[in-house]
Protein backbone atom coordinates (compact mmCIF):
# COMPACT_ATOMS: atom_id res chain seq x y z
CA UNK A 1 76.53 119.12 76.57
CA UNK A 2 80.11 117.63 77.46
CA UNK A 3 83.16 117.69 74.51
CA UNK A 4 84.64 114.38 74.03
CA UNK A 5 87.87 115.66 75.64
CA UNK A 6 85.95 116.23 79.06
CA UNK A 7 83.85 113.30 78.97
CA UNK A 8 86.73 110.96 78.42
CA UNK A 9 88.57 112.93 81.57
CA UNK A 10 85.58 112.42 83.72
CA UNK A 11 85.25 108.72 82.85
CA UNK A 12 88.79 108.58 83.71
CA UNK A 13 87.92 110.09 87.42
CA UNK A 14 84.96 107.72 88.02
CA UNK A 15 87.77 104.97 87.45
CA UNK A 16 90.18 106.53 89.77
CA UNK A 17 87.27 107.22 92.27
CA UNK A 18 86.29 103.58 91.96
CA UNK A 19 89.69 102.53 92.70
CA UNK A 20 89.92 104.83 95.73
CA UNK A 21 86.90 102.81 97.19
CA UNK A 22 88.70 99.80 96.58
CA UNK A 23 91.55 100.76 98.08
CA UNK A 24 89.84 102.04 101.31
CA UNK A 25 87.91 98.58 101.14
CA UNK A 26 91.46 96.66 101.29
CA UNK A 27 92.77 98.85 104.07
CA UNK A 28 89.51 98.34 105.97
CA UNK A 29 89.71 94.64 105.91
CA UNK A 30 93.64 94.84 106.75
CA UNK A 31 92.85 96.86 109.93
CA UNK A 32 90.25 94.62 110.90
CA UNK A 33 92.60 91.59 110.48
CA UNK A 34 95.01 93.69 112.73
CA UNK A 35 92.24 93.92 115.53
CA UNK A 36 92.13 97.79 114.57
CA UNK A 37 88.06 97.65 114.47
CA UNK A 38 88.33 101.58 114.69
CA UNK A 39 90.78 101.88 111.94
CA UNK A 40 88.54 99.42 110.03
CA UNK A 41 85.76 101.64 110.48
CA UNK A 42 87.60 104.67 109.52
CA UNK A 43 88.45 103.26 106.02
CA UNK A 44 84.90 101.73 105.24
CA UNK A 45 83.49 105.15 105.82
CA UNK A 46 86.10 106.50 103.41
CA UNK A 47 85.41 103.67 101.24
CA UNK A 48 81.37 105.00 101.09
CA UNK A 49 82.75 108.63 100.24
CA UNK A 50 84.73 107.56 97.63
CA UNK A 51 82.10 105.72 96.07
CA UNK A 52 79.82 108.74 96.64
CA UNK A 53 82.52 110.69 94.56
CA UNK A 54 81.93 108.09 91.92
CA UNK A 55 78.46 108.64 91.78
CA UNK A 56 78.76 112.47 91.59
CA UNK A 57 80.72 112.03 88.69
CA UNK A 58 78.48 109.41 86.92
CA UNK A 59 75.34 111.23 87.55
CA UNK A 60 77.06 114.57 86.30
CA UNK A 61 78.24 113.08 83.08
CA UNK A 62 74.60 111.95 82.55
CA UNK A 63 73.15 115.00 83.19
CA UNK A 64 75.35 116.63 80.68
CA UNK A 65 74.39 114.36 77.78
CA UNK A 66 77.50 112.08 78.17
CA UNK A 67 77.78 108.46 78.42
CA UNK A 68 79.69 106.53 81.29
CA UNK A 69 82.21 104.03 80.25
CA UNK A 70 83.35 101.80 83.13
CA UNK A 71 87.14 100.36 83.00
CA UNK A 72 88.68 97.85 84.96
CA UNK A 73 89.45 98.52 88.49
CA UNK A 74 93.16 97.99 89.29
CA UNK A 75 93.67 95.74 92.41
CA UNK A 76 94.86 97.41 95.50
CA UNK A 77 97.45 96.30 97.96
CA UNK A 78 96.34 93.92 100.24
CA UNK A 79 98.48 94.10 103.21
CA UNK A 80 100.36 97.19 105.04
CA UNK A 81 103.06 97.28 107.38
CA UNK A 82 101.30 99.40 110.13
CA UNK A 83 98.72 101.99 110.63
CA UNK A 84 101.09 104.64 109.68
CA UNK A 85 101.86 102.79 106.65
CA UNK A 86 98.09 102.80 105.48
CA UNK A 87 97.91 106.50 106.25
CA UNK A 88 100.92 107.59 104.39
CA UNK A 89 99.43 105.40 101.65
CA UNK A 90 95.96 106.95 102.31
CA UNK A 91 97.48 110.43 102.06
CA UNK A 92 99.84 109.81 98.72
CA UNK A 93 96.80 108.50 97.24
CA UNK A 94 94.58 111.84 98.21
CA UNK A 95 97.44 113.69 96.88
CA UNK A 96 97.41 111.96 93.43
CA UNK A 97 93.67 112.46 93.50
CA UNK A 98 94.24 116.08 94.33
CA UNK A 99 96.52 116.33 91.17
CA UNK A 100 93.92 114.56 89.33
CA UNK A 101 91.17 116.90 90.17
CA UNK A 102 93.35 119.94 89.31
CA UNK A 103 94.11 118.31 86.04
CA UNK A 104 90.14 118.18 85.39
CA UNK A 105 89.80 121.73 86.37
CA UNK A 106 92.48 122.54 83.52
CA UNK A 107 90.57 120.71 80.99
CA UNK A 108 87.61 122.48 81.49
CA UNK A 109 89.15 125.80 81.54
CA UNK A 110 90.58 124.80 78.29
CA UNK A 111 87.40 123.36 76.91
CA UNK A 112 85.80 126.55 78.13
CA UNK A 113 83.12 124.15 80.04
CA UNK A 114 82.27 126.38 82.77
CA UNK A 115 79.63 124.21 84.07
CA UNK A 116 82.10 121.49 84.66
CA UNK A 117 84.47 123.69 86.23
CA UNK A 118 81.70 124.78 88.73
CA UNK A 119 81.01 121.45 89.36
CA UNK A 120 84.47 120.29 90.15
CA UNK A 121 84.96 123.04 92.67
CA UNK A 122 83.18 120.63 95.01
CA UNK A 123 85.95 118.40 94.47
CA UNK A 124 88.52 120.75 94.99
CA UNK A 125 87.19 121.67 98.32
CA UNK A 126 86.72 118.10 99.54
CA UNK A 127 90.69 117.14 98.45
CA UNK A 128 91.47 119.92 100.77
CA UNK A 129 89.69 118.16 103.57
CA UNK A 130 90.70 114.72 102.78
CA UNK A 131 94.31 115.84 102.87
CA UNK A 132 93.96 117.54 106.13
CA UNK A 133 92.32 114.85 107.65
CA UNK A 134 94.82 112.42 106.82
CA UNK A 135 97.59 114.90 108.01
CA UNK A 136 95.85 115.23 111.10
CA UNK A 137 96.12 111.22 111.78
CA UNK A 138 99.34 111.10 110.54
CA UNK A 139 100.45 113.70 113.30
CA UNK A 140 98.50 111.74 116.13
CA UNK A 141 100.31 108.31 114.99
CA UNK A 142 103.80 110.09 114.90
CA UNK A 143 103.30 111.34 118.61
CA UNK A 144 101.64 108.15 119.72
CA UNK A 145 105.07 106.02 118.20
CA UNK A 146 105.14 102.61 119.67
CA UNK A 147 102.60 102.91 122.25
CA UNK A 148 100.07 100.53 121.95
CA UNK A 149 97.90 102.01 124.78
CA UNK A 150 98.03 105.33 122.32
CA UNK A 151 97.16 103.29 119.37
CA UNK A 152 94.53 101.68 121.02
CA UNK A 153 92.94 105.20 122.23
CA UNK A 154 92.99 106.60 118.46
CA UNK A 155 91.40 103.26 117.39
CA UNK A 156 88.40 104.11 119.88
CA UNK A 157 88.22 107.63 118.29
CA UNK A 158 88.22 106.55 114.70
CA UNK A 159 85.68 103.98 115.53
CA UNK A 160 83.30 107.13 116.19
CA UNK A 161 83.31 108.04 112.52
CA UNK A 162 79.91 107.97 110.55
CA UNK A 163 79.36 107.53 107.02
CA UNK A 164 77.62 111.39 105.93
CA UNK A 165 76.99 110.39 102.29
CA UNK A 166 74.47 108.11 100.37
CA UNK A 167 74.98 104.44 100.81
CA UNK A 168 72.21 103.34 98.65
CA UNK A 169 72.38 104.39 94.85
CA UNK A 170 69.63 101.87 93.89
CA UNK A 171 67.11 103.79 91.98
CA UNK A 172 64.36 104.86 94.07
CA UNK A 173 66.10 103.28 97.16
CA UNK A 174 66.50 105.38 100.68
CA UNK A 175 67.89 108.65 100.46
CA UNK A 176 66.26 109.41 96.78
CA UNK A 177 64.27 112.08 98.62
CA UNK A 178 67.46 113.68 99.61
CA UNK A 179 69.11 113.82 96.28
């Protein structure tokens, strides 16, 4: 059973993951409006990943006898200066999420909640990967500089990204056999 403190902290993280999804959906829309369909795809895949993270937390809270309390999701920015601006904001946001996951780990340790600490280890590892991916794309954008040809090459590369997470969370929906 989750302590009230742990349940509240996990619910706060559900909200942060939902905001993350909302932010990346907004970036996907903006990238598409810029004619960068590959960037749009990358951000939409990121949207699906963040929704999956929220659902992992949702399922975990329920499995430990807690109650999920949904909160209002803040509206994300809807326009960005450039592809670099989007990825710099993505990295800053992922660093914020990393700090939040680290705070959750601290709470789990304070509460002597070893099950939650073990569960959260997946998120710690995931955040390392998230930040590394963002750094890699920012480094590529720096190399490209003002080159529209380079931007289009990167756009083609980002168009290849595929969702690797469950996309349907309905009861008995496709993918339930894998969960």
